[in-house]
mmCIF file of all heavy atoms, coordinates in Angstrom:
data_MODEL
# 
_entry.id   MODEL 
# 
loop_
_atom_site.group_PDB 
_atom_site.id 
_atom_site.type_symbol 
_atom_site.label_atom_id 
_atom_site.label_alt_id 
_atom_site.label_comp_id 
_atom_site.label_asym_id 
_atom_site.label_entity_id 
_atom_site.label_seq_id 
_atom_site.pdbx_PDB_ins_code 
_atom_site.Cartn_x 
_atom_site.Cartn_y 
_atom_site.Cartn_z 
_atom_site.occupancy 
_atom_site.B_iso_or_equiv 
_atom_site.pdbx_formal_charge 
_atom_site.auth_seq_id 
_atom_site.auth_comp_id 
_atom_site.auth_asym_id 
_atom_site.auth_atom_id 
_atom_site.pdbx_PDB_model_num 
ATOM 1   N N   . SER A 1 1  ? -11.826 4.530   9.203   1.00 0.00 ? 1  SER A N   1 
ATOM 2   C CA  . SER A 1 1  ? -12.917 3.624   8.932   1.00 0.00 ? 1  SER A CA  1 
ATOM 3   C C   . SER A 1 1  ? -14.263 4.327   8.884   1.00 0.00 ? 1  SER A C   1 
ATOM 4   O O   . SER A 1 1  ? -15.098 4.043   8.046   1.00 0.00 ? 1  SER A O   1 
ATOM 5   C CB  . SER A 1 1  ? -12.902 2.459   9.919   1.00 0.00 ? 1  SER A CB  1 
ATOM 6   O OG  . SER A 1 1  ? -13.235 2.898   11.166  1.00 0.00 ? 1  SER A OG  1 
ATOM 7   N N   . ILE A 1 2  ? -14.461 5.375   9.694   1.00 0.00 ? 2  ILE A N   1 
ATOM 8   C CA  . ILE A 1 2  ? -15.720 6.153   9.702   1.00 0.00 ? 2  ILE A CA  1 
ATOM 9   C C   . ILE A 1 2  ? -15.877 6.886   8.342   1.00 0.00 ? 2  ILE A C   1 
ATOM 10  O O   . ILE A 1 2  ? -16.951 6.859   7.760   1.00 0.00 ? 2  ILE A O   1 
ATOM 11  C CB  . ILE A 1 2  ? -15.790 7.150   10.812  1.00 0.00 ? 2  ILE A CB  1 
ATOM 12  C CG1 . ILE A 1 2  ? -15.877 6.393   12.208  1.00 0.00 ? 2  ILE A CG1 1 
ATOM 13  C CG2 . ILE A 1 2  ? -16.994 8.076   10.667  1.00 0.00 ? 2  ILE A CG2 1 
ATOM 14  C CD1 . ILE A 1 2  ? -15.543 7.245   13.384  1.00 0.00 ? 2  ILE A CD1 1 
ATOM 15  N N   . LEU A 1 3  ? -14.797 7.475   7.891   1.00 0.00 ? 3  LEU A N   1 
ATOM 16  C CA  . LEU A 1 3  ? -14.880 8.254   6.627   1.00 0.00 ? 3  LEU A CA  1 
ATOM 17  C C   . LEU A 1 3  ? -14.606 7.464   5.412   1.00 0.00 ? 3  LEU A C   1 
ATOM 18  O O   . LEU A 1 3  ? -14.637 7.950   4.272   1.00 0.00 ? 3  LEU A O   1 
ATOM 19  C CB  . LEU A 1 3  ? -13.937 9.497   6.727   1.00 0.00 ? 3  LEU A CB  1 
ATOM 20  C CG  . LEU A 1 3  ? -14.185 10.443  7.880   1.00 0.00 ? 3  LEU A CG  1 
ATOM 21  C CD1 . LEU A 1 3  ? -13.160 11.546  7.863   1.00 0.00 ? 3  LEU A CD1 1 
ATOM 22  C CD2 . LEU A 1 3  ? -15.605 11.047  7.792   1.00 0.00 ? 3  LEU A CD2 1 
ATOM 23  N N   . GLY A 1 4  ? -14.323 6.157   5.590   1.00 0.00 ? 4  GLY A N   1 
ATOM 24  C CA  . GLY A 1 4  ? -14.025 5.310   4.469   1.00 0.00 ? 4  GLY A CA  1 
ATOM 25  C C   . GLY A 1 4  ? -12.769 5.699   3.717   1.00 0.00 ? 4  GLY A C   1 
ATOM 26  O O   . GLY A 1 4  ? -12.655 5.622   2.490   1.00 0.00 ? 4  GLY A O   1 
ATOM 27  N N   . LEU A 1 5  ? -11.780 6.211   4.467   1.00 0.00 ? 5  LEU A N   1 
ATOM 28  C CA  . LEU A 1 5  ? -10.565 6.725   3.824   1.00 0.00 ? 5  LEU A CA  1 
ATOM 29  C C   . LEU A 1 5  ? -9.514  5.591   3.771   1.00 0.00 ? 5  LEU A C   1 
ATOM 30  O O   . LEU A 1 5  ? -9.561  4.612   4.490   1.00 0.00 ? 5  LEU A O   1 
ATOM 31  C CB  . LEU A 1 5  ? -9.970  7.868   4.639   1.00 0.00 ? 5  LEU A CB  1 
ATOM 32  C CG  . LEU A 1 5  ? -10.869 9.067   4.818   1.00 0.00 ? 5  LEU A CG  1 
ATOM 33  C CD1 . LEU A 1 5  ? -10.236 10.015  5.795   1.00 0.00 ? 5  LEU A CD1 1 
ATOM 34  C CD2 . LEU A 1 5  ? -11.169 9.721   3.495   1.00 0.00 ? 5  LEU A CD2 1 
ATOM 35  N N   . VAL A 1 6  ? -8.552  5.815   2.907   1.00 0.00 ? 6  VAL A N   1 
ATOM 36  C CA  . VAL A 1 6  ? -7.448  4.879   2.794   1.00 0.00 ? 6  VAL A CA  1 
ATOM 37  C C   . VAL A 1 6  ? -6.321  5.323   3.716   1.00 0.00 ? 6  VAL A C   1 
ATOM 38  O O   . VAL A 1 6  ? -5.860  6.455   3.659   1.00 0.00 ? 6  VAL A O   1 
ATOM 39  C CB  . VAL A 1 6  ? -6.897  4.907   1.366   1.00 0.00 ? 6  VAL A CB  1 
ATOM 40  C CG1 . VAL A 1 6  ? -5.779  3.900   1.217   1.00 0.00 ? 6  VAL A CG1 1 
ATOM 41  C CG2 . VAL A 1 6  ? -8.015  4.593   0.347   1.00 0.00 ? 6  VAL A CG2 1 
ATOM 42  N N   . PRO A 1 7  ? -5.896  4.480   4.682   1.00 0.00 ? 7  PRO A N   1 
ATOM 43  C CA  . PRO A 1 7  ? -4.792  4.862   5.580   1.00 0.00 ? 7  PRO A CA  1 
ATOM 44  C C   . PRO A 1 7  ? -3.545  5.221   4.745   1.00 0.00 ? 7  PRO A C   1 
ATOM 45  O O   . PRO A 1 7  ? -3.197  4.535   3.775   1.00 0.00 ? 7  PRO A O   1 
ATOM 46  C CB  . PRO A 1 7  ? -4.531  3.596   6.382   1.00 0.00 ? 7  PRO A CB  1 
ATOM 47  C CG  . PRO A 1 7  ? -5.849  2.864   6.379   1.00 0.00 ? 7  PRO A CG  1 
ATOM 48  C CD  . PRO A 1 7  ? -6.462  3.157   5.020   1.00 0.00 ? 7  PRO A CD  1 
ATOM 49  N N   . PHE A 1 8  ? -2.868  6.300   5.176   1.00 0.00 ? 8  PHE A N   1 
ATOM 50  C CA  . PHE A 1 8  ? -1.650  6.726   4.466   1.00 0.00 ? 8  PHE A CA  1 
ATOM 51  C C   . PHE A 1 8  ? -0.604  5.647   4.281   1.00 0.00 ? 8  PHE A C   1 
ATOM 52  O O   . PHE A 1 8  ? 0.060   5.549   3.325   1.00 0.00 ? 8  PHE A O   1 
ATOM 53  C CB  . PHE A 1 8  ? -0.921  7.879   5.296   1.00 0.00 ? 8  PHE A CB  1 
ATOM 54  C CG  . PHE A 1 8  ? -1.718  9.139   5.363   1.00 0.00 ? 8  PHE A CG  1 
ATOM 55  C CD1 . PHE A 1 8  ? -1.848  9.798   6.526   1.00 0.00 ? 8  PHE A CD1 1 
ATOM 56  C CD2 . PHE A 1 8  ? -2.317  9.677   4.209   1.00 0.00 ? 8  PHE A CD2 1 
ATOM 57  C CE1 . PHE A 1 8  ? -2.555  11.016  6.625   1.00 0.00 ? 8  PHE A CE1 1 
ATOM 58  C CE2 . PHE A 1 8  ? -3.034  10.855  4.284   1.00 0.00 ? 8  PHE A CE2 1 
ATOM 59  C CZ  . PHE A 1 8  ? -3.149  11.536  5.517   1.00 0.00 ? 8  PHE A CZ  1 
ATOM 60  N N   . SER A 1 9  ? -0.530  4.783   5.313   1.00 0.00 ? 9  SER A N   1 
ATOM 61  C CA  . SER A 1 9  ? 0.570   3.758   5.313   1.00 0.00 ? 9  SER A CA  1 
ATOM 62  C C   . SER A 1 9  ? 0.376   2.746   4.153   1.00 0.00 ? 9  SER A C   1 
ATOM 63  O O   . SER A 1 9  ? 1.318   2.076   3.791   1.00 0.00 ? 9  SER A O   1 
ATOM 64  C CB  . SER A 1 9  ? 0.499   2.994   6.632   1.00 0.00 ? 9  SER A CB  1 
ATOM 65  O OG  . SER A 1 9  ? -0.745  2.311   6.766   1.00 0.00 ? 9  SER A OG  1 
ATOM 66  N N   . TYR A 1 10 ? -0.794  2.706   3.583   1.00 0.00 ? 10 TYR A N   1 
ATOM 67  C CA  . TYR A 1 10 ? -1.035  1.748   2.471   1.00 0.00 ? 10 TYR A CA  1 
ATOM 68  C C   . TYR A 1 10 ? -0.177  2.117   1.222   1.00 0.00 ? 10 TYR A C   1 
ATOM 69  O O   . TYR A 1 10 ? 0.239   1.240   0.519   1.00 0.00 ? 10 TYR A O   1 
ATOM 70  C CB  . TYR A 1 10 ? -2.485  1.735   2.033   1.00 0.00 ? 10 TYR A CB  1 
ATOM 71  C CG  . TYR A 1 10 ? -3.415  0.941   2.933   1.00 0.00 ? 10 TYR A CG  1 
ATOM 72  C CD1 . TYR A 1 10 ? -3.039  0.645   4.237   1.00 0.00 ? 10 TYR A CD1 1 
ATOM 73  C CD2 . TYR A 1 10 ? -4.601  0.478   2.476   1.00 0.00 ? 10 TYR A CD2 1 
ATOM 74  C CE1 . TYR A 1 10 ? -3.866  -0.087  5.058   1.00 0.00 ? 10 TYR A CE1 1 
ATOM 75  C CE2 . TYR A 1 10 ? -5.449  -0.273  3.293   1.00 0.00 ? 10 TYR A CE2 1 
ATOM 76  C CZ  . TYR A 1 10 ? -5.082  -0.561  4.621   1.00 0.00 ? 10 TYR A CZ  1 
ATOM 77  O OH  . TYR A 1 10 ? -5.888  -1.320  5.410   1.00 0.00 ? 10 TYR A OH  1 
ATOM 78  N N   . TYR A 1 11 ? 0.015   3.446   1.022   1.00 0.00 ? 11 TYR A N   1 
ATOM 79  C CA  . TYR A 1 11 ? 0.704   3.815   -0.183  1.00 0.00 ? 11 TYR A CA  1 
ATOM 80  C C   . TYR A 1 11 ? 2.205   3.408   -0.173  1.00 0.00 ? 11 TYR A C   1 
ATOM 81  O O   . TYR A 1 11 ? 2.644   2.722   -1.072  1.00 0.00 ? 11 TYR A O   1 
ATOM 82  C CB  . TYR A 1 11 ? 0.558   5.346   -0.492  1.00 0.00 ? 11 TYR A CB  1 
ATOM 83  C CG  . TYR A 1 11 ? -0.879  5.694   -0.628  1.00 0.00 ? 11 TYR A CG  1 
ATOM 84  C CD1 . TYR A 1 11 ? -1.488  6.698   0.160   1.00 0.00 ? 11 TYR A CD1 1 
ATOM 85  C CD2 . TYR A 1 11 ? -1.683  5.047   -1.585  1.00 0.00 ? 11 TYR A CD2 1 
ATOM 86  C CE1 . TYR A 1 11 ? -2.834  7.003   -0.003  1.00 0.00 ? 11 TYR A CE1 1 
ATOM 87  C CE2 . TYR A 1 11 ? -3.018  5.330   -1.733  1.00 0.00 ? 11 TYR A CE2 1 
ATOM 88  C CZ  . TYR A 1 11 ? -3.632  6.322   -0.903  1.00 0.00 ? 11 TYR A CZ  1 
ATOM 89  O OH  . TYR A 1 11 ? -4.938  6.623   -1.029  1.00 0.00 ? 11 TYR A OH  1 
ATOM 90  N N   . PRO A 1 12 ? 2.923   3.803   0.917   1.00 0.00 ? 12 PRO A N   1 
ATOM 91  C CA  . PRO A 1 12 ? 4.304   3.333   0.956   1.00 0.00 ? 12 PRO A CA  1 
ATOM 92  C C   . PRO A 1 12 ? 4.440   1.818   0.911   1.00 0.00 ? 12 PRO A C   1 
ATOM 93  O O   . PRO A 1 12 ? 5.374   1.318   0.334   1.00 0.00 ? 12 PRO A O   1 
ATOM 94  C CB  . PRO A 1 12 ? 4.836   3.962   2.246   1.00 0.00 ? 12 PRO A CB  1 
ATOM 95  C CG  . PRO A 1 12 ? 3.742   4.551   2.958   1.00 0.00 ? 12 PRO A CG  1 
ATOM 96  C CD  . PRO A 1 12 ? 2.617   4.715   1.985   1.00 0.00 ? 12 PRO A CD  1 
ATOM 97  N N   . GLU A 1 13 ? 3.472   1.155   1.612   1.00 0.00 ? 13 GLU A N   1 
ATOM 98  C CA  . GLU A 1 13 ? 3.562   -0.315  1.632   1.00 0.00 ? 13 GLU A CA  1 
ATOM 99  C C   . GLU A 1 13 ? 3.467   -0.870  0.185   1.00 0.00 ? 13 GLU A C   1 
ATOM 100 O O   . GLU A 1 13 ? 4.241   -1.711  -0.215  1.00 0.00 ? 13 GLU A O   1 
ATOM 101 C CB  . GLU A 1 13 ? 2.430   -0.815  2.524   1.00 0.00 ? 13 GLU A CB  1 
ATOM 102 C CG  . GLU A 1 13 ? 2.581   -2.304  2.840   1.00 0.00 ? 13 GLU A CG  1 
ATOM 103 C CD  . GLU A 1 13 ? 1.402   -2.828  3.659   1.00 0.00 ? 13 GLU A CD  1 
ATOM 104 O OE1 . GLU A 1 13 ? 0.875   -2.057  4.479   1.00 0.00 ? 13 GLU A OE1 1 
ATOM 105 O OE2 . GLU A 1 13 ? 1.086   -4.010  3.528   1.00 0.00 ? 13 GLU A OE2 1 
ATOM 106 N N   . PHE A 1 14 ? 2.452   -0.358  -0.550  1.00 0.00 ? 14 PHE A N   1 
ATOM 107 C CA  . PHE A 1 14 ? 2.252   -0.837  -1.904  1.00 0.00 ? 14 PHE A CA  1 
ATOM 108 C C   . PHE A 1 14 ? 3.394   -0.436  -2.844  1.00 0.00 ? 14 PHE A C   1 
ATOM 109 O O   . PHE A 1 14 ? 3.871   -1.293  -3.604  1.00 0.00 ? 14 PHE A O   1 
ATOM 110 C CB  . PHE A 1 14 ? 0.906   -0.301  -2.447  1.00 0.00 ? 14 PHE A CB  1 
ATOM 111 C CG  . PHE A 1 14 ? 0.493   -0.887  -3.747  1.00 0.00 ? 14 PHE A CG  1 
ATOM 112 C CD1 . PHE A 1 14 ? 0.224   -2.263  -3.860  1.00 0.00 ? 14 PHE A CD1 1 
ATOM 113 C CD2 . PHE A 1 14 ? 0.231   -0.114  -4.821  1.00 0.00 ? 14 PHE A CD2 1 
ATOM 114 C CE1 . PHE A 1 14 ? -0.139  -2.811  -5.039  1.00 0.00 ? 14 PHE A CE1 1 
ATOM 115 C CE2 . PHE A 1 14 ? -0.235  -0.631  -6.046  1.00 0.00 ? 14 PHE A CE2 1 
ATOM 116 C CZ  . PHE A 1 14 ? -0.387  -2.034  -6.136  1.00 0.00 ? 14 PHE A CZ  1 
ATOM 117 N N   . VAL A 1 15 ? 3.870   0.749   -2.734  1.00 0.00 ? 15 VAL A N   1 
ATOM 118 C CA  . VAL A 1 15 ? 5.013   1.224   -3.552  1.00 0.00 ? 15 VAL A CA  1 
ATOM 119 C C   . VAL A 1 15 ? 6.210   0.359   -3.230  1.00 0.00 ? 15 VAL A C   1 
ATOM 120 O O   . VAL A 1 15 ? 6.988   -0.020  -4.154  1.00 0.00 ? 15 VAL A O   1 
ATOM 121 C CB  . VAL A 1 15 ? 5.287   2.712   -3.344  1.00 0.00 ? 15 VAL A CB  1 
ATOM 122 C CG1 . VAL A 1 15 ? 6.584   3.132   -4.098  1.00 0.00 ? 15 VAL A CG1 1 
ATOM 123 C CG2 . VAL A 1 15 ? 4.098   3.520   -3.805  1.00 0.00 ? 15 VAL A CG2 1 
ATOM 124 N N   . GLY A 1 16 ? 6.423   0.004   -1.949  1.00 0.00 ? 16 GLY A N   1 
ATOM 125 C CA  . GLY A 1 16 ? 7.493   -0.872  -1.540  1.00 0.00 ? 16 GLY A CA  1 
ATOM 126 C C   . GLY A 1 16 ? 7.437   -2.178  -2.247  1.00 0.00 ? 16 GLY A C   1 
ATOM 127 O O   . GLY A 1 16 ? 8.466   -2.734  -2.730  1.00 0.00 ? 16 GLY A O   1 
ATOM 128 N N   . LEU A 1 17 ? 6.248   -2.765  -2.336  1.00 0.00 ? 17 LEU A N   1 
ATOM 129 C CA  . LEU A 1 17 ? 6.081   -4.051  -3.031  1.00 0.00 ? 17 LEU A CA  1 
ATOM 130 C C   . LEU A 1 17 ? 6.412   -3.941  -4.517  1.00 0.00 ? 17 LEU A C   1 
ATOM 131 O O   . LEU A 1 17 ? 7.017   -4.838  -5.086  1.00 0.00 ? 17 LEU A O   1 
ATOM 132 C CB  . LEU A 1 17 ? 4.646   -4.585  -2.849  1.00 0.00 ? 17 LEU A CB  1 
ATOM 133 C CG  . LEU A 1 17 ? 4.233   -4.985  -1.421  1.00 0.00 ? 17 LEU A CG  1 
ATOM 134 C CD1 . LEU A 1 17 ? 2.727   -5.107  -1.304  1.00 0.00 ? 17 LEU A CD1 1 
ATOM 135 C CD2 . LEU A 1 17 ? 4.926   -6.280  -0.994  1.00 0.00 ? 17 LEU A CD2 1 
ATOM 136 N N   . LEU A 1 18 ? 5.947   -2.856  -5.113  1.00 0.00 ? 18 LEU A N   1 
ATOM 137 C CA  . LEU A 1 18 ? 6.227   -2.630  -6.530  1.00 0.00 ? 18 LEU A CA  1 
ATOM 138 C C   . LEU A 1 18 ? 7.739   -2.382  -6.791  1.00 0.00 ? 18 LEU A C   1 
ATOM 139 O O   . LEU A 1 18 ? 8.320   -2.933  -7.687  1.00 0.00 ? 18 LEU A O   1 
ATOM 140 C CB  . LEU A 1 18 ? 5.460   -1.431  -7.056  1.00 0.00 ? 18 LEU A CB  1 
ATOM 141 C CG  . LEU A 1 18 ? 3.914   -1.571  -7.050  1.00 0.00 ? 18 LEU A CG  1 
ATOM 142 C CD1 . LEU A 1 18 ? 3.288   -0.222  -7.455  1.00 0.00 ? 18 LEU A CD1 1 
ATOM 143 C CD2 . LEU A 1 18 ? 3.465   -2.659  -8.002  1.00 0.00 ? 18 LEU A CD2 1 
ATOM 144 N N   . ALA A 1 19 ? 8.353   -1.598  -5.870  1.00 0.00 ? 19 ALA A N   1 
ATOM 145 C CA  . ALA A 1 19 ? 9.776   -1.244  -6.013  1.00 0.00 ? 19 ALA A CA  1 
ATOM 146 C C   . ALA A 1 19 ? 10.626  -2.512  -5.897  1.00 0.00 ? 19 ALA A C   1 
ATOM 147 O O   . ALA A 1 19 ? 11.632  -2.631  -6.579  1.00 0.00 ? 19 ALA A O   1 
ATOM 148 C CB  . ALA A 1 19 ? 10.187  -0.186  -5.021  1.00 0.00 ? 19 ALA A CB  1 
ATOM 149 N N   . SER A 1 20 ? 10.216  -3.420  -5.039  1.00 0.00 ? 20 SER A N   1 
ATOM 150 C CA  . SER A 1 20 ? 11.008  -4.640  -4.823  1.00 0.00 ? 20 SER A CA  1 
ATOM 151 C C   . SER A 1 20 ? 10.562  -5.762  -5.780  1.00 0.00 ? 20 SER A C   1 
ATOM 152 O O   . SER A 1 20 ? 10.960  -6.912  -5.604  1.00 0.00 ? 20 SER A O   1 
ATOM 153 C CB  . SER A 1 20 ? 10.968  -5.118  -3.389  1.00 0.00 ? 20 SER A CB  1 
ATOM 154 O OG  . SER A 1 20 ? 9.636   -5.369  -2.985  1.00 0.00 ? 20 SER A OG  1 
ATOM 155 N N   . LYS A 1 21 ? 9.662   -5.438  -6.728  1.00 0.00 ? 21 LYS A N   1 
ATOM 156 C CA  . LYS A 1 21 ? 9.179   -6.359  -7.770  1.00 0.00 ? 21 LYS A CA  1 
ATOM 157 C C   . LYS A 1 21 ? 8.546   -7.594  -7.154  1.00 0.00 ? 21 LYS A C   1 
ATOM 158 O O   . LYS A 1 21 ? 8.692   -8.738  -7.693  1.00 0.00 ? 21 LYS A O   1 
ATOM 159 C CB  . LYS A 1 21 ? 10.329  -6.770  -8.715  1.00 0.00 ? 21 LYS A CB  1 
ATOM 160 C CG  . LYS A 1 21 ? 10.919  -5.577  -9.472  1.00 0.00 ? 21 LYS A CG  1 
ATOM 161 C CD  . LYS A 1 21 ? 11.570  -6.010  -10.755 1.00 0.00 ? 21 LYS A CD  1 
ATOM 162 C CE  . LYS A 1 21 ? 12.183  -4.932  -11.586 1.00 0.00 ? 21 LYS A CE  1 
ATOM 163 N NZ  . LYS A 1 21 ? 11.803  -3.556  -11.323 1.00 0.00 ? 21 LYS A NZ  1 
ATOM 164 N N   . ASP A 1 22 ? 7.843   -7.405  -6.023  1.00 0.00 ? 22 ASP A N   1 
ATOM 165 C CA  . ASP A 1 22 ? 7.167   -8.557  -5.374  1.00 0.00 ? 22 ASP A CA  1 
ATOM 166 C C   . ASP A 1 22 ? 5.774   -8.669  -5.973  1.00 0.00 ? 22 ASP A C   1 
ATOM 167 O O   . ASP A 1 22 ? 4.798   -8.101  -5.444  1.00 0.00 ? 22 ASP A O   1 
ATOM 168 C CB  . ASP A 1 22 ? 7.071   -8.305  -3.873  1.00 0.00 ? 22 ASP A CB  1 
ATOM 169 C CG  . ASP A 1 22 ? 6.402   -9.421  -3.136  1.00 0.00 ? 22 ASP A CG  1 
ATOM 170 O OD1 . ASP A 1 22 ? 5.766   -10.303 -3.757  1.00 0.00 ? 22 ASP A OD1 1 
ATOM 171 O OD2 . ASP A 1 22 ? 6.420   -9.401  -1.900  1.00 0.00 ? 22 ASP A OD2 1 
ATOM 172 N N   . ARG A 1 23 ? 5.650   -9.393  -7.086  1.00 0.00 ? 23 ARG A N   1 
ATOM 173 C CA  . ARG A 1 23 ? 4.408   -9.430  -7.826  1.00 0.00 ? 23 ARG A CA  1 
ATOM 174 C C   . ARG A 1 23 ? 3.282   -10.068 -7.013  1.00 0.00 ? 23 ARG A C   1 
ATOM 175 O O   . ARG A 1 23 ? 2.173   -9.556  -6.914  1.00 0.00 ? 23 ARG A O   1 
ATOM 176 C CB  . ARG A 1 23 ? 4.612   -10.232 -9.146  1.00 0.00 ? 23 ARG A CB  1 
ATOM 177 C CG  . ARG A 1 23 ? 3.427   -10.153 -10.034 1.00 0.00 ? 23 ARG A CG  1 
ATOM 178 C CD  . ARG A 1 23 ? 3.644   -10.965 -11.344 1.00 0.00 ? 23 ARG A CD  1 
ATOM 179 N NE  . ARG A 1 23 ? 3.799   -12.352 -10.990 1.00 0.00 ? 23 ARG A NE  1 
ATOM 180 C CZ  . ARG A 1 23 ? 4.274   -13.225 -11.832 1.00 0.00 ? 23 ARG A CZ  1 
ATOM 181 N NH1 . ARG A 1 23 ? 4.642   -12.909 -13.036 1.00 0.00 ? 23 ARG A NH1 1 
ATOM 182 N NH2 . ARG A 1 23 ? 4.406   -14.521 -11.470 1.00 0.00 ? 23 ARG A NH2 1 
ATOM 183 N N   . ASP A 1 24 ? 3.581   -11.223 -6.389  1.00 0.00 ? 24 ASP A N   1 
ATOM 184 C CA  . ASP A 1 24 ? 2.517   -11.905 -5.593  1.00 0.00 ? 24 ASP A CA  1 
ATOM 185 C C   . ASP A 1 24 ? 2.078   -11.079 -4.431  1.00 0.00 ? 24 ASP A C   1 
ATOM 186 O O   . ASP A 1 24 ? 0.891   -11.003 -4.089  1.00 0.00 ? 24 ASP A O   1 
ATOM 187 C CB  . ASP A 1 24 ? 3.015   -13.279 -5.148  1.00 0.00 ? 24 ASP A CB  1 
ATOM 188 C CG  . ASP A 1 24 ? 3.350   -14.217 -6.322  1.00 0.00 ? 24 ASP A CG  1 
ATOM 189 O OD1 . ASP A 1 24 ? 3.010   -13.782 -7.468  1.00 0.00 ? 24 ASP A OD1 1 
ATOM 190 O OD2 . ASP A 1 24 ? 3.929   -15.249 -6.077  1.00 0.00 ? 24 ASP A OD2 1 
ATOM 191 N N   . GLY A 1 25 ? 3.068   -10.419 -3.781  1.00 0.00 ? 25 GLY A N   1 
ATOM 192 C CA  . GLY A 1 25 ? 2.768   -9.571  -2.628  1.00 0.00 ? 25 GLY A CA  1 
ATOM 193 C C   . GLY A 1 25 ? 1.826   -8.398  -3.042  1.00 0.00 ? 25 GLY A C   1 
ATOM 194 O O   . GLY A 1 25 ? 0.901   -8.061  -2.387  1.00 0.00 ? 25 GLY A O   1 
# 
């Protein structure tokens, strides 16, 4: 939050939603 960075965990979470075709998610 201090450096305004994106937490690493966001990428696998987002890719997971795309991989499972969860459009709304």
